Amino acid sequence: MEFISVRDFKAQVTRLIREKRNVLVLKNGRPAGYFLPWDETMNDNHFRKAALETLMRAMQEERTRKGITEEEVLVDFEAFRKNRSRR
């Protein structure tokens, strides 16, 4: 795996894609992202599941950090839906 700054990643992304290299992207020396080139052996369901699991984990961490419960999110979403349908 290669470690690279955000600035260098932007400048070298074409090469990294072509060479199919796994890259940990760093911002100010701290992890900012992970670049994983598409592998044809990954199927769509596997990719979608991994992406959704990552998104769910990020949302959970954000809710926890802000002290918001899942129930509060659901109530807010339902209110948004009802308000939106009235327009």
Protein backbone atom coordinates (compact mmCIF):
# COMPACT_ATOMS: atom_id res chain seq x y z
CA MET A 1 0.00 0.00 0.00
CA GLU A 2 1.17 3.49 -0.82
CA PHE A 3 0.81 6.53 1.45
CA ILE A 4 0.28 9.83 -0.34
CA SER A 5 -0.82 13.38 0.46
CA VAL A 6 -4.13 14.74 -0.86
CA ARG A 7 -2.21 17.12 -3.10
CA ASP A 8 -0.08 14.33 -4.59
CA PHE A 9 -3.12 12.07 -4.91
CA LYS A 10 -4.89 14.68 -7.03
CA ALA A 11 -1.83 15.06 -9.23
CA GLN A 12 -1.25 11.32 -9.62
CA VAL A 13 -4.73 9.81 -9.60
CA THR A 14 -4.60 8.77 -13.26
CA ARG A 15 -1.36 6.86 -12.72
CA LEU A 16 -2.71 5.25 -9.54
CA ILE A 17 -5.83 4.05 -11.34
CA ARG A 18 -3.79 2.70 -14.24
CA GLU A 19 -1.39 0.89 -11.90
CA LYS A 20 -4.27 -0.37 -9.70
CA ARG A 21 -2.52 0.64 -6.49
CA ASN A 22 -4.13 0.75 -3.06
CA VAL A 23 -3.45 4.15 -1.54
CA LEU A 24 -3.98 5.66 1.89
CA VAL A 25 -4.56 9.38 1.29
CA LEU A 26 -3.22 11.66 4.04
CA LYS A 27 -4.19 15.22 4.93
CA ASN A 28 -1.74 16.93 7.28
CA GLY A 29 -0.22 13.52 7.99
CA ARG A 30 -3.55 11.98 9.09
CA PRO A 31 -5.70 9.53 7.12
CA ALA A 32 -8.26 11.33 4.96
CA GLY A 33 -9.37 8.53 2.68
CA TYR A 34 -8.54 5.24 1.14
CA PHE A 35 -8.35 4.64 -2.59
CA LEU A 36 -9.11 1.11 -3.66
CA PRO A 37 -9.04 0.55 -7.43
CA TRP A 38 -11.97 -1.34 -8.88
CA ASP A 39 -11.24 -5.03 -9.18
CA GLU A 40 -13.32 -6.87 -11.77
CA THR A 41 -13.68 -9.78 -9.34
CA MET A 42 -15.82 -7.56 -7.08
CA ASN A 43 -19.44 -7.91 -7.97
CA ASP A 44 -21.96 -5.11 -7.65
CA ASN A 45 -23.69 -6.59 -4.60
CA HIS A 46 -20.43 -6.93 -2.69
CA PHE A 47 -19.45 -3.36 -3.52
CA ARG A 48 -22.86 -1.95 -2.61
CA LYS A 49 -22.89 -3.83 0.69
CA ALA A 50 -19.42 -2.59 1.62
CA ALA A 51 -20.31 0.99 0.65
CA LEU A 52 -23.55 0.90 2.65
CA GLU A 53 -21.81 -0.58 5.70
CA THR A 54 -19.24 2.21 5.55
CA LEU A 55 -21.95 4.85 5.21
CA MET A 56 -24.00 3.38 8.07
CA ARG A 57 -20.95 3.31 10.34
CA ALA A 58 -20.14 6.94 9.49
CA MET A 59 -23.74 7.99 10.18
CA GLN A 60 -23.72 6.14 13.50
CA GLU A 61 -20.49 7.85 14.54
CA GLU A 62 -21.87 11.25 13.54
CA ARG A 63 -25.11 10.67 15.51
CA THR A 64 -23.17 9.50 18.55
CA ARG A 65 -20.84 12.48 18.39
CA LYS A 66 -23.80 14.88 18.21
CA GLY A 67 -25.85 13.01 20.82
CA ILE A 68 -28.73 12.27 18.46
CA THR A 69 -30.70 9.04 18.79
CA GLU A 70 -31.92 6.94 15.89
CA GLU A 71 -35.49 7.60 17.00
CA GLU A 72 -34.92 11.36 16.73
CA VAL A 73 -33.66 10.91 13.18
CA LEU A 74 -36.71 8.83 12.24
CA VAL A 75 -39.13 11.37 13.75
CA ASP A 76 -37.36 14.21 11.93
CA PHE A 77 -37.40 12.28 8.66
CA GLU A 78 -41.13 11.52 8.98
CA ALA A 79 -41.87 15.20 9.66
CA PHE A 80 -39.81 16.15 6.61
CA ARG A 81 -41.70 13.64 4.44
CA LYS A 82 -45.11 14.92 5.59
CA ASN A 83 -44.10 18.55 5.07
CA ARG A 84 -42.69 17.78 1.64
CA SER A 85 -45.83 15.98 0.47
CA ARG A 86 -47.95 19.04 1.34
CA ARG A 87 -46.12 21.25 -1.16
